[in-house]
Amino acid sequence: MKSSEIRFKIELDDQNYPDKIFWNASDGASEGLEEAKAITMSIWDHFRKETLRIDLWGKDMPVDEMKRFYIDTIGGLATSLRNATNDEFMASEMEKLCDTLVKHVQAEEEQQKKK
């Protein structure tokens, strides 16, 4: 059986906040660690019937990029949900939420330009 390993390396500042985030996958296209600005990971605990979450972002992650990161994450979850369960209603509702959030972020960007 083939296996793959995903590795994360987090550099912390003196107060233990993430400063830099690096990752690689053993069967990925690039060799060595690549820098990332944020990670969000969800793991289903079958025994507790709950989701364990890890959310990390580096100190230099801009707020506007963080918002787009979460919109992309929700959109990706919608696609995964559709593929895994064939639940068109839930996937479509998540995509509608993404559309609403994109409009919200765009409106915020327009407001910032006016200042």
PDB file of N, CA and C in Angstrom:
ATOM      1  N   MET A   1       0.842  -1.179   0.000  1.00  0.00           N
ATOM      2  CA  MET A   1       0.000   0.000   0.000  1.00  0.00           C
ATOM      3  C   MET A   1       0.887   1.241   0.000  1.00  0.00           C
ATOM      4  N   LYS A   2       0.553   2.182  -0.847  1.00  0.00           N
ATOM      5  CA  LYS A   2       1.284   3.441  -0.921  1.00  0.00           C
ATOM      6  C   LYS A   2       0.856   4.347   0.237  1.00  0.00           C
ATOM      7  N   SER A   3       1.777   5.135   0.720  1.00  0.00           N
ATOM      8  CA  SER A   3       1.431   6.114   1.748  1.00  0.00           C
ATOM      9  C   SER A   3       2.079   7.443   1.393  1.00  0.00           C
ATOM     10  N   SER A   4       1.534   8.482   1.944  1.00  0.00           N
ATOM     11  CA  SER A   4       2.052   9.821   1.733  1.00  0.00           C
ATOM     12  C   SER A   4       2.063  10.525   3.072  1.00  0.00           C
ATOM     13  N   GLU A   5       2.998  11.406   3.241  1.00  0.00           N
ATOM     14  CA  GLU A   5       3.101  12.138   4.495  1.00  0.00           C
ATOM     15  C   GLU A   5       3.055  13.628   4.200  1.00  0.00           C
ATOM     16  N   ILE A   6       2.259  14.356   4.978  1.00  0.00           N
ATOM     17  CA  ILE A   6       2.199  15.810   4.892  1.00  0.00           C
ATOM     18  C   ILE A   6       2.807  16.344   6.184  1.00  0.00           C
ATOM     19  N   ARG A   7       3.727  17.268   6.025  1.00  0.00           N
ATOM     20  CA  ARG A   7       4.465  17.786   7.183  1.00  0.00           C
ATOM     21  C   ARG A   7       4.306  19.297   7.270  1.00  0.00           C
ATOM     22  N   PHE A   8       4.114  19.778   8.481  1.00  0.00           N
ATOM     23  CA  PHE A   8       4.046  21.213   8.733  1.00  0.00           C
ATOM     24  C   PHE A   8       5.156  21.588   9.712  1.00  0.00           C
ATOM     25  N   LYS A   9       5.772  22.713   9.455  1.00  0.00           N
ATOM     26  CA  LYS A   9       6.762  23.257  10.380  1.00  0.00           C
ATOM     27  C   LYS A   9       6.324  24.678  10.697  1.00  0.00           C
ATOM     28  N   ILE A  10       6.169  24.970  11.976  1.00  0.00           N
ATOM     29  CA  ILE A  10       5.699  26.288  12.405  1.00  0.00           C
ATOM     30  C   ILE A  10       6.810  26.949  13.217  1.00  0.00           C
ATOM     31  N   GLU A  11       7.259  28.111  12.760  1.00  0.00           N
ATOM     32  CA  GLU A  11       8.222  28.893  13.525  1.00  0.00           C
ATOM     33  C   GLU A  11       7.430  29.865  14.391  1.00  0.00           C
ATOM     34  N   LEU A  12       7.723  29.861  15.683  1.00  0.00           N
ATOM     35  CA  LEU A  12       6.997  30.686  16.640  1.00  0.00           C
ATOM     36  C   LEU A  12       7.841  31.866  17.090  1.00  0.00           C
ATOM     37  N   ASP A  13       7.158  32.971  17.428  1.00  0.00           N
ATOM     38  CA  ASP A  13       7.889  34.101  17.979  1.00  0.00           C
ATOM     39  C   ASP A  13       8.105  33.857  19.472  1.00  0.00           C
ATOM     40  N   ASP A  14       8.636  34.852  20.169  1.00  0.00           N
ATOM     41  CA  ASP A  14       8.950  34.664  21.587  1.00  0.00           C
ATOM     42  C   ASP A  14       7.710  34.538  22.473  1.00  0.00           C
ATOM     43  N   GLN A  15       6.532  34.833  21.919  1.00  0.00           N
ATOM     44  CA  GLN A  15       5.284  34.661  22.673  1.00  0.00           C
ATOM     45  C   GLN A  15       4.485  33.461  22.167  1.00  0.00           C
ATOM     46  N   ASN A  16       5.138  32.606  21.379  1.00  0.00           N
ATOM     47  CA  ASN A  16       4.544  31.376  20.834  1.00  0.00           C
ATOM     48  C   ASN A  16       3.423  31.608  19.824  1.00  0.00           C
ATOM     49  N   TYR A  17       3.444  32.759  19.156  1.00  0.00           N
ATOM     50  CA  TYR A  17       2.520  33.004  18.051  1.00  0.00           C
ATOM     51  C   TYR A  17       3.205  32.571  16.752  1.00  0.00           C
ATOM     52  N   PRO A  18       2.442  32.015  15.816  1.00  0.00           N
ATOM     53  CA  PRO A  18       3.060  31.611  14.547  1.00  0.00           C
ATOM     54  C   PRO A  18       3.688  32.804  13.835  1.00  0.00           C
ATOM     55  N   ASP A  19       4.943  32.649  13.480  1.00  0.00           N
ATOM     56  CA  ASP A  19       5.654  33.683  12.743  1.00  0.00           C
ATOM     57  C   ASP A  19       5.765  33.274  11.283  1.00  0.00           C
ATOM     58  N   LYS A  20       6.163  32.058  11.035  1.00  0.00           N
ATOM     59  CA  LYS A  20       6.288  31.512   9.683  1.00  0.00           C
ATOM     60  C   LYS A  20       5.714  30.096   9.681  1.00  0.00           C
ATOM     61  N   ILE A  21       5.103  29.743   8.563  1.00  0.00           N
ATOM     62  CA  ILE A  21       4.504  28.420   8.397  1.00  0.00           C
ATOM     63  C   ILE A  21       5.104  27.795   7.137  1.00  0.00           C
ATOM     64  N   PHE A  22       5.554  26.566   7.259  1.00  0.00           N
ATOM     65  CA  PHE A  22       6.112  25.833   6.129  1.00  0.00           C
ATOM     66  C   PHE A  22       5.436  24.470   6.042  1.00  0.00           C
ATOM     67  N   TRP A  23       5.412  23.906   4.839  1.00  0.00           N
ATOM     68  CA  TRP A  23       4.802  22.591   4.660  1.00  0.00           C
ATOM     69  C   TRP A  23       5.421  21.890   3.460  1.00  0.00           C
ATOM     70  N   ASN A  24       5.245  20.581   3.442  1.00  0.00           N
ATOM     71  CA  ASN A  24       5.557  19.803   2.246  1.00  0.00           C
ATOM     72  C   ASN A  24       4.815  18.476   2.311  1.00  0.00           C
ATOM     73  N   ALA A  25       4.682  17.854   1.154  1.00  0.00           N
ATOM     74  CA  ALA A  25       4.057  16.538   1.042  1.00  0.00           C
ATOM     75  C   ALA A  25       5.077  15.598   0.417  1.00  0.00           C
ATOM     76  N   SER A  26       5.152  14.398   0.934  1.00  0.00           N
ATOM     77  CA  SER A  26       6.172  13.462   0.464  1.00  0.00           C
ATOM     78  C   SER A  26       6.017  13.122  -1.013  1.00  0.00           C
ATOM     79  N   ASP A  27       4.804  13.180  -1.540  1.00  0.00           N
ATOM     80  CA  ASP A  27       4.624  12.910  -2.964  1.00  0.00           C
ATOM     81  C   ASP A  27       4.262  14.179  -3.747  1.00  0.00           C
ATOM     82  N   GLY A  28       4.628  15.331  -3.196  1.00  0.00           N
ATOM     83  CA  GLY A  28       4.350  16.605  -3.854  1.00  0.00           C
ATOM     84  C   GLY A  28       5.317  16.883  -4.984  1.00  0.00           C
ATOM     85  N   ALA A  29       5.005  17.900  -5.756  1.00  0.00           N
ATOM     86  CA  ALA A  29       5.799  18.251  -6.934  1.00  0.00           C
ATOM     87  C   ALA A  29       7.131  18.899  -6.568  1.00  0.00           C
ATOM     88  N   SER A  30       7.161  19.632  -5.467  1.00  0.00           N
ATOM     89  CA  SER A  30       8.395  20.326  -5.108  1.00  0.00           C
ATOM     90  C   SER A  30       9.116  19.594  -3.983  1.00  0.00           C
ATOM     91  N   GLU A  31      10.397  19.823  -3.919  1.00  0.00           N
ATOM     92  CA  GLU A  31      11.200  19.224  -2.854  1.00  0.00           C
ATOM     93  C   GLU A  31      11.448  20.267  -1.786  1.00  0.00           C
ATOM     94  N   GLY A  32      11.485  19.853  -0.557  1.00  0.00           N
ATOM     95  CA  GLY A  32      11.731  20.778   0.533  1.00  0.00           C
ATOM     96  C   GLY A  32      10.458  21.461   0.991  1.00  0.00           C
ATOM     97  N   LEU A  33      10.632  22.294   1.979  1.00  0.00           N
ATOM     98  CA  LEU A  33       9.503  22.996   2.568  1.00  0.00           C
ATOM     99  C   LEU A  33       9.119  24.223   1.748  1.00  0.00           C
ATOM    100  N   GLU A  34       7.822  24.475   1.666  1.00  0.00           N
ATOM    101  CA  GLU A  34       7.307  25.680   1.010  1.00  0.00           C
ATOM    102  C   GLU A  34       6.631  26.535   2.066  1.00  0.00           C
ATOM    103  N   GLU A  35       6.726  27.845   1.903  1.00  0.00           N
ATOM    104  CA  GLU A  35       6.098  28.737   2.875  1.00  0.00           C
ATOM    105  C   GLU A  35       4.611  28.890   2.574  1.00  0.00           C
ATOM    106  N   ALA A  36       3.836  28.960   3.621  1.00  0.00           N
ATOM    107  CA  ALA A  36       2.400  29.240   3.533  1.00  0.00           C
ATOM    108  C   ALA A  36       2.095  30.354   4.526  1.00  0.00           C
ATOM    109  N   LYS A  37       1.027  31.073   4.272  1.00  0.00           N
ATOM    110  CA  LYS A  37       0.635  32.146   5.184  1.00  0.00           C
ATOM    111  C   LYS A  37      -0.406  31.688   6.202  1.00  0.00           C
ATOM    112  N   ALA A  38      -1.133  30.594   5.878  1.00  0.00           N
ATOM    113  CA  ALA A  38      -2.179  30.130   6.784  1.00  0.00           C
ATOM    114  C   ALA A  38      -2.450  28.641   6.558  1.00  0.00           C
ATOM    115  N   ILE A  39      -2.974  28.011   7.594  1.00  0.00           N
ATOM    116  CA  ILE A  39      -3.407  26.608   7.540  1.00  0.00           C
ATOM    117  C   ILE A  39      -4.742  26.526   8.274  1.00  0.00           C
ATOM    118  N   THR A  40      -5.658  25.821   7.688  1.00  0.00           N
ATOM    119  CA  THR A  40      -6.850  25.427   8.423  1.00  0.00           C
ATOM    120  C   THR A  40      -7.056  23.953   8.136  1.00  0.00           C
ATOM    121  N   MET A  41      -7.220  23.179   9.189  1.00  0.00           N
ATOM    122  CA  MET A  41      -7.335  21.739   9.033  1.00  0.00           C
ATOM    123  C   MET A  41      -8.439  21.240   9.959  1.00  0.00           C
ATOM    124  N   SER A  42      -9.264  20.365   9.417  1.00  0.00           N
ATOM    125  CA  SER A  42     -10.341  19.761  10.203  1.00  0.00           C
ATOM    126  C   SER A  42     -10.168  18.252  10.171  1.00  0.00           C
ATOM    127  N   ILE A  43     -10.293  17.643  11.324  1.00  0.00           N
ATOM    128  CA  ILE A  43     -10.144  16.197  11.459  1.00  0.00           C
ATOM    129  C   ILE A  43     -11.378  15.675  12.186  1.00  0.00           C
ATOM    130  N   TRP A  44     -12.058  14.700  11.574  1.00  0.00           N
ATOM    131  CA  TRP A  44     -13.251  14.133  12.189  1.00  0.00           C
ATOM    132  C   TRP A  44     -12.851  13.073  13.205  1.00  0.00           C
ATOM    133  N   ASP A  45     -13.266  13.270  14.452  1.00  0.00           N
ATOM    134  CA  ASP A  45     -13.047  12.294  15.518  1.00  0.00           C
ATOM    135  C   ASP A  45     -14.284  11.404  15.577  1.00  0.00           C
ATOM    136  N   HIS A  46     -14.156  10.210  15.026  1.00  0.00           N
ATOM    137  CA  HIS A  46     -15.277   9.270  14.926  1.00  0.00           C
ATOM    138  C   HIS A  46     -15.806   8.870  16.305  1.00  0.00           C
ATOM    139  N   PHE A  47     -14.938   8.739  17.275  1.00  0.00           N
ATOM    140  CA  PHE A  47     -15.362   8.277  18.591  1.00  0.00           C
ATOM    141  C   PHE A  47     -16.127   9.351  19.364  1.00  0.00           C
ATOM    142  N   ARG A  48     -15.692  10.589  19.258  1.00  0.00           N
ATOM    143  CA  ARG A  48     -16.375  11.692  19.950  1.00  0.00           C
ATOM    144  C   ARG A  48     -17.475  12.318  19.101  1.00  0.00           C
ATOM    145  N   LYS A  49     -17.499  11.972  17.809  1.00  0.00           N
ATOM    146  CA  LYS A  49     -18.471  12.552  16.863  1.00  0.00           C
ATOM    147  C   LYS A  49     -18.378  14.074  16.848  1.00  0.00           C
ATOM    148  N   GLU A  50     -17.130  14.548  16.710  1.00  0.00           N
ATOM    149  CA  GLU A  50     -16.905  15.985  16.635  1.00  0.00           C
ATOM    150  C   GLU A  50     -15.678  16.264  15.776  1.00  0.00           C
ATOM    151  N   THR A  51     -15.562  17.500  15.364  1.00  0.00           N
ATOM    152  CA  THR A  51     -14.461  17.923  14.513  1.00  0.00           C
ATOM    153  C   THR A  51     -13.382  18.568  15.366  1.00  0.00           C
ATOM    154  N   LEU A  52     -12.161  18.139  15.126  1.00  0.00           N
ATOM    155  CA  LEU A  52     -10.994  18.768  15.735  1.00  0.00           C
ATOM    156  C   LEU A  52     -10.431  19.735  14.696  1.00  0.00           C
ATOM    157  N   ARG A  53     -10.100  20.927  15.114  1.00  0.00           N
ATOM    158  CA  ARG A  53      -9.660  21.944  14.152  1.00  0.00           C
ATOM    159  C   ARG A  53      -8.309  22.520  14.551  1.00  0.00           C
ATOM    160  N   ILE A  54      -7.539  22.831  13.522  1.00  0.00           N
ATOM    161  CA  ILE A  54      -6.286  23.562  13.689  1.00  0.00           C
ATOM    162  C   ILE A  54      -6.348  24.736  12.717  1.00  0.00           C
ATOM    163  N   ASP A  55      -6.269  25.939  13.249  1.00  0.00           N
ATOM    164  CA  ASP A  55      -6.265  27.157  12.433  1.00  0.00           C
ATOM    165  C   ASP A  55      -5.053  27.981  12.830  1.00  0.00           C
ATOM    166  N   LEU A  56      -4.140  28.158  11.903  1.00  0.00           N
ATOM    167  CA  LEU A  56      -2.936  28.946  12.155  1.00  0.00           C
ATOM    168  C   LEU A  56      -2.715  29.912  11.011  1.00  0.00           C
ATOM    169  N   TRP A  57      -2.229  31.088  11.345  1.00  0.00           N
ATOM    170  CA  TRP A  57      -1.833  32.027  10.305  1.00  0.00           C
ATOM    171  C   TRP A  57      -0.648  32.824  10.817  1.00  0.00           C
ATOM    172  N   GLY A  58       0.241  33.139   9.890  1.00  0.00           N
ATOM    173  CA  GLY A  58       1.425  33.916  10.237  1.00  0.00           C
ATOM    174  C   GLY A  58       1.069  35.360  10.528  1.00  0.00           C
ATOM    175  N   LYS A  59       1.939  36.020  11.264  1.00  0.00           N
ATOM    176  CA  LYS A  59       1.686  37.407  11.651  1.00  0.00           C
ATOM    177  C   LYS A  59       1.605  38.344  10.460  1.00  0.00           C
ATOM    178  N   ASP A  60       2.216  37.966   9.345  1.00  0.00           N
ATOM    179  CA  ASP A  60       2.211  38.854   8.186  1.00  0.00           C
ATOM    180  C   ASP A  60       1.097  38.527   7.187  1.00  0.00           C
ATOM    181  N   MET A  61       0.124  37.718   7.592  1.00  0.00           N
ATOM    182  CA  MET A  61      -1.014  37.389   6.724  1.00  0.00           C
ATOM    183  C   MET A  61      -1.970  38.586   6.721  1.00  0.00           C
ATOM    184  N   PRO A  62      -2.131  39.243   5.577  1.00  0.00           N
ATOM    185  CA  PRO A  62      -3.049  40.388   5.515  1.00  0.00           C
ATOM    186  C   PRO A  62      -4.504  39.956   5.755  1.00  0.00           C
ATOM    187  N   VAL A  63      -5.270  40.824   6.385  1.00  0.00           N
ATOM    188  CA  VAL A  63      -6.661  40.519   6.718  1.00  0.00           C
ATOM    189  C   VAL A  63      -7.482  40.226   5.466  1.00  0.00           C
ATOM    190  N   ASP A  64      -7.274  40.996   4.391  1.00  0.00           N
ATOM    191  CA  ASP A  64      -8.059  40.755   3.179  1.00  0.00           C
ATOM    192  C   ASP A  64      -7.750  39.378   2.587  1.00  0.00           C
ATOM    193  N   GLU A  65      -6.494  38.950   2.658  1.00  0.00           N
ATOM    194  CA  GLU A  65      -6.151  37.614   2.179  1.00  0.00           C
ATOM    195  C   GLU A  65      -6.739  36.535   3.084  1.00  0.00           C
ATOM    196  N   MET A  66      -6.793  36.804   4.385  1.00  0.00           N
ATOM    197  CA  MET A  66      -7.394  35.842   5.319  1.00  0.00           C
ATOM    198  C   MET A  66      -8.868  35.641   4.984  1.00  0.00           C
ATOM    199  N   LYS A  67      -9.571  36.716   4.692  1.00  0.00           N
ATOM    200  CA  LYS A  67     -10.982  36.600   4.338  1.00  0.00           C
ATOM    201  C   LYS A  67     -11.152  35.786   3.058  1.00  0.00           C
ATOM    202  N   ARG A  68     -10.321  36.059   2.067  1.00  0.00           N
ATOM    203  CA  ARG A  68     -10.390  35.297   0.811  1.00  0.00           C
ATOM    204  C   ARG A  68     -10.017  33.835   1.033  1.00  0.00           C
ATOM    205  N   PHE A  69      -9.071  33.587   1.917  1.00  0.00           N
ATOM    206  CA  PHE A  69      -8.679  32.223   2.262  1.00  0.00           C
ATOM    207  C   PHE A  69      -9.883  31.440   2.799  1.00  0.00           C
ATOM    208  N   TYR A  70     -10.646  32.066   3.687  1.00  0.00           N
ATOM    209  CA  TYR A  70     -11.803  31.364   4.247  1.00  0.00           C
ATOM    210  C   TYR A  70     -12.927  31.204   3.225  1.00  0.00           C
ATOM    211  N   ILE A  71     -13.104  32.182   2.354  1.00  0.00           N
ATOM    212  CA  ILE A  71     -14.103  32.031   1.290  1.00  0.00           C
ATOM    213  C   ILE A  71     -13.709  30.862   0.383  1.00  0.00           C
ATOM    214  N   ASP A  72     -12.440  30.799  -0.004  1.00  0.00           N
ATOM    215  CA  ASP A  72     -11.965  29.685  -0.831  1.00  0.00           C
ATOM    216  C   ASP A  72     -12.125  28.352  -0.108  1.00  0.00           C
ATOM    217  N   THR A  73     -11.879  28.348   1.197  1.00  0.00           N
ATOM    218  CA  THR A  73     -12.020  27.122   1.986  1.00  0.00           C
ATOM    219  C   THR A  73     -13.461  26.641   1.981  1.00  0.00           C
ATOM    220  N   ILE A  74     -14.391  27.558   2.194  1.00  0.00           N
ATOM    221  CA  ILE A  74     -15.806  27.178   2.185  1.00  0.00           C
ATOM    222  C   ILE A  74     -16.205  26.662   0.800  1.00  0.00           C
ATOM    223  N   GLY A  75     -15.740  27.328  -0.257  1.00  0.00           N
ATOM    224  CA  GLY A  75     -16.028  26.874  -1.618  1.00  0.00           C
ATOM    225  C   GLY A  75     -15.468  25.480  -1.875  1.00  0.00           C
ATOM    226  N   GLY A  76     -14.263  25.238  -1.401  1.00  0.00           N
ATOM    227  CA  GLY A  76     -13.662  23.912  -1.551  1.00  0.00           C
ATOM    228  C   GLY A  76     -14.423  22.857  -0.778  1.00  0.00           C
ATOM    229  N   LEU A  77     -14.900  23.230   0.406  1.00  0.00           N
ATOM    230  CA  LEU A  77     -15.712  22.301   1.198  1.00  0.00           C
ATOM    231  C   LEU A  77     -17.024  21.977   0.488  1.00  0.00           C
ATOM    232  N   ALA A  78     -17.597  22.975  -0.175  1.00  0.00           N
ATOM    233  CA  ALA A  78     -18.835  22.742  -0.930  1.00  0.00           C
ATOM    234  C   ALA A  78     -18.599  21.711  -2.029  1.00  0.00           C
ATOM    235  N   THR A  79     -17.502  21.861  -2.748  1.00  0.00           N
ATOM    236  CA  THR A  79     -17.173  20.902  -3.810  1.00  0.00           C
ATOM    237  C   THR A  79     -16.941  19.512  -3.231  1.00  0.00           C
ATOM    238  N   SER A  80     -16.186  19.441  -2.151  1.00  0.00           N
ATOM    239  CA  SER A  80     -15.919  18.140  -1.508  1.00  0.00           C
ATOM    240  C   SER A  80     -17.203  17.492  -1.019  1.00  0.00           C
ATOM    241  N   LEU A  81     -18.069  18.300  -0.409  1.00  0.00           N
ATOM    242  CA  LEU A  81     -19.342  17.777   0.092  1.00  0.00           C
ATOM    243  C   LEU A  81     -20.194  17.225  -1.047  1.00  0.00           C
ATOM    244  N   ARG A  82     -20.260  17.973  -2.144  1.00  0.00           N
ATOM    245  CA  ARG A  82     -21.032  17.530  -3.310  1.00  0.00           C
ATOM    246  C   ARG A  82     -20.477  16.196  -3.828  1.00  0.00           C
ATOM    247  N   ASN A  83     -19.153  16.109  -3.965  1.00  0.00           N
ATOM    248  CA  ASN A  83     -18.531  14.890  -4.481  1.00  0.00           C
ATOM    249  C   ASN A  83     -18.686  13.705  -3.532  1.00  0.00           C
ATOM    250  N   ALA A  84     -18.608  13.964  -2.232  1.00  0.00           N
ATOM    251  CA  ALA A  84     -18.642  12.876  -1.251  1.00  0.00           C
ATOM    252  C   ALA A  84     -20.050  12.383  -0.943  1.00  0.00           C
ATOM    253  N   THR A  85     -21.027  13.311  -0.965  1.00  0.00           N
ATOM    254  CA  THR A  85     -22.373  12.941  -0.502  1.00  0.00           C
ATOM    255  C   THR A  85     -23.450  13.083  -1.558  1.00  0.00           C
ATOM    256  N   ASN A  86     -23.124  13.798  -2.626  1.00  0.00           N
ATOM    257  CA  ASN A  86     -24.107  14.083  -3.670  1.00  0.00           C
ATOM    258  C   ASN A  86     -25.256  14.956  -3.146  1.00  0.00           C
ATOM    259  N   ASP A  87     -24.988  15.698  -2.069  1.00  0.00           N
ATOM    260  CA  ASP A  87     -26.002  16.570  -1.472  1.00  0.00           C
ATOM    261  C   ASP A  87     -25.935  17.934  -2.152  1.00  0.00           C
ATOM    262  N   GLU A  88     -26.726  18.095  -3.183  1.00  0.00           N
ATOM    263  CA  GLU A  88     -26.716  19.321  -3.972  1.00  0.00           C
ATOM    264  C   GLU A  88     -27.204  20.522  -3.165  1.00  0.00           C
ATOM    265  N   PHE A  89     -28.190  20.314  -2.297  1.00  0.00           N
ATOM    266  CA  PHE A  89     -28.721  21.426  -1.508  1.00  0.00           C
ATOM    267  C   PHE A  89     -27.648  22.044  -0.620  1.00  0.00           C
ATOM    268  N   MET A  90     -26.974  21.219   0.173  1.00  0.00           N
ATOM    269  CA  MET A  90     -25.958  21.751   1.084  1.00  0.00           C
ATOM    270  C   MET A  90     -24.828  22.424   0.315  1.00  0.00           C
ATOM    271  N   ALA A  91     -24.365  21.789  -0.759  1.00  0.00           N
ATOM    272  CA  ALA A  91     -23.276  22.360  -1.546  1.00  0.00           C
ATOM    273  C   ALA A  91     -23.690  23.702  -2.151  1.00  0.00           C
ATOM    274  N   SER A  92     -24.886  23.774  -2.667  1.00  0.00           N
ATOM    275  CA  SER A  92     -25.371  25.023  -3.274  1.00  0.00           C
ATOM    276  C   SER A  92     -25.509  26.131  -2.236  1.00  0.00           C
ATOM    277  N   GLU A  93     -25.980  25.794  -1.061  1.00  0.00           N
ATOM    278  CA  GLU A  93     -26.116  26.796   0.008  1.00  0.00           C
ATOM    279  C   GLU A  93     -24.751  27.335   0.422  1.00  0.00           C
ATOM    280  N   MET A  94     -23.766  26.467   0.485  1.00  0.00           N
ATOM    281  CA  MET A  94     -22.414  26.904   0.822  1.00  0.00           C
ATOM    282  C   MET A  94     -21.862  27.822  -0.276  1.00  0.00           C
ATOM    283  N   GLU A  95     -22.130  27.480  -1.528  1.00  0.00           N
ATOM    284  CA  GLU A  95     -21.679  28.321  -2.640  1.00  0.00           C
ATOM    285  C   GLU A  95     -22.386  29.666  -2.637  1.00  0.00           C
ATOM    286  N   LYS A  96     -23.662  29.699  -2.261  1.00  0.00           N
ATOM    287  CA  LYS A  96     -24.377  30.977  -2.138  1.00  0.00           C
ATOM    288  C   LYS A  96     -23.738  31.843  -1.058  1.00  0.00           C
ATOM    289  N   LEU A  97     -23.370  31.199   0.048  1.00  0.00           N
ATOM    290  CA  LEU A  97     -22.684  31.928   1.118  1.00  0.00           C
ATOM    291  C   LEU A  97     -21.379  32.530   0.591  1.00  0.00           C
ATOM    292  N   CYS A  98     -20.630  31.753  -0.179  1.00  0.00           N
ATOM    293  CA  CYS A  98     -19.383  32.260  -0.765  1.00  0.00           C
ATOM    294  C   CYS A  98     -19.652  33.475  -1.642  1.00  0.00           C
ATOM    295  N   ASP A  99     -20.684  33.412  -2.466  1.00  0.00           N
ATOM    296  CA  ASP A  99     -21.027  34.536  -3.329  1.00  0.00           C
ATOM    297  C   ASP A  99     -21.332  35.782  -2.495  1.00  0.00           C
ATOM    298  N   THR A 100     -22.082  35.609  -1.418  1.00  0.00           N
ATOM    299  CA  THR A 100     -22.407  36.717  -0.519  1.00  0.00           C
ATOM    300  C   THR A 100     -21.148  37.283   0.120  1.00  0.00           C
ATOM    301  N   LEU A 101     -20.259  36.411   0.559  1.00  0.00           N
ATOM    302  CA  LEU A 101     -19.037  36.859   1.213  1.00  0.00           C
ATOM    303  C   LEU A 101     -18.093  37.561   0.237  1.00  0.00           C
ATOM    304  N   VAL A 102     -18.032  37.094  -0.997  1.00  0.00           N
ATOM    305  CA  VAL A 102     -17.209  37.766  -2.011  1.00  0.00           C
ATOM    306  C   VAL A 102     -17.718  39.189  -2.216  1.00  0.00           C
ATOM    307  N   LYS A 103     -19.019  39.364  -2.324  1.00  0.00           N
ATOM    308  CA  LYS A 103     -19.589  40.711  -2.490  1.00  0.00           C
ATOM    309  C   LYS A 103     -19.256  41.596  -1.291  1.00  0.00           C
ATOM    310  N   HIS A 104     -19.309  41.008  -0.105  1.00  0.00           N
ATOM    311  CA  HIS A 104     -18.976  41.752   1.118  1.00  0.00           C
ATOM    312  C   HIS A 104     -17.520  42.219   1.094  1.00  0.00           C
ATOM    313  N   VAL A 105     -16.615  41.330   0.739  1.00  0.00           N
ATOM    314  CA  VAL A 105     -15.190  41.671   0.684  1.00  0.00           C
ATOM    315  C   VAL A 105     -14.934  42.712  -0.404  1.00  0.00           C
ATOM    316  N   GLN A 106     -15.587  42.580  -1.544  1.00  0.00           N
ATOM    317  CA  GLN A 106     -15.424  43.564  -2.611  1.00  0.00           C
ATOM    318  C   GLN A 106     -15.918  44.935  -2.171  1.00  0.00           C
ATOM    319  N   ALA A 107     -17.039  44.969  -1.449  1.00  0.00           N
ATOM    320  CA  ALA A 107     -17.561  46.241  -0.943  1.00  0.00           C
ATOM    321  C   ALA A 107     -16.585  46.861   0.055  1.00  0.00           C
ATOM    322  N   GLU A 108     -16.004  46.044   0.893  1.00  0.00           N
ATOM    323  CA  GLU A 108     -14.996  46.550   1.839  1.00  0.00           C
ATOM    324  C   GLU A 108     -13.794  47.127   1.091  1.00  0.00           C
ATOM    325  N   GLU A 109     -13.366  46.447   0.052  1.00  0.00           N
ATOM    326  CA  GLU A 109     -12.228  46.934  -0.733  1.00  0.00           C
ATOM    327  C   GLU A 109     -12.559  48.273  -1.380  1.00  0.00           C
ATOM    328  N   GLU A 110     -13.772  48.432  -1.876  1.00  0.00           N
ATOM    329  CA  GLU A 110     -14.200  49.699  -2.478  1.00  0.00           C
ATOM    330  C   GLU A 110     -14.197  50.812  -1.431  1.00  0.00           C
ATOM    331  N   GLN A 111     -14.664  50.498  -0.222  1.00  0.00           N
ATOM    332  CA  GLN A 111     -14.671  51.477   0.861  1.00  0.00           C
ATOM    333  C   GLN A 111     -13.240  51.917   1.200  1.00  0.00           C
ATOM    334  N   GLN A 112     -12.318  50.974   1.213  1.00  0.00           N
ATOM    335  CA  GLN A 112     -10.916  51.274   1.534  1.00  0.00           C
ATOM    336  C   GLN A 112     -10.300  52.182   0.470  1.00  0.00           C
ATOM    337  N   LYS A 113     -10.662  51.962  -0.795  1.00  0.00           N
ATOM    338  CA  LYS A 113     -10.128  52.786  -1.879  1.00  0.00           C
ATOM    339  C   LYS A 113     -10.584  54.233  -1.757  1.00  0.00           C
ATOM    340  N   LYS A 114     -11.787  54.442  -1.209  1.00  0.00           N
ATOM    341  CA  LYS A 114     -12.343  55.792  -1.071  1.00  0.00           C
ATOM    342  C   LYS A 114     -11.678  56.572   0.042  1.00  0.00           C
ATOM    343  N   LYS A 115     -11.024  55.891   0.937  1.00  0.00           N
ATOM    344  CA  LYS A 115     -10.389  56.575   2.083  1.00  0.00           C
ATOM    345  C   LYS A 115      -9.062  57.159   1.729  1.00  0.00           C
TER     346      LYS A 115
END
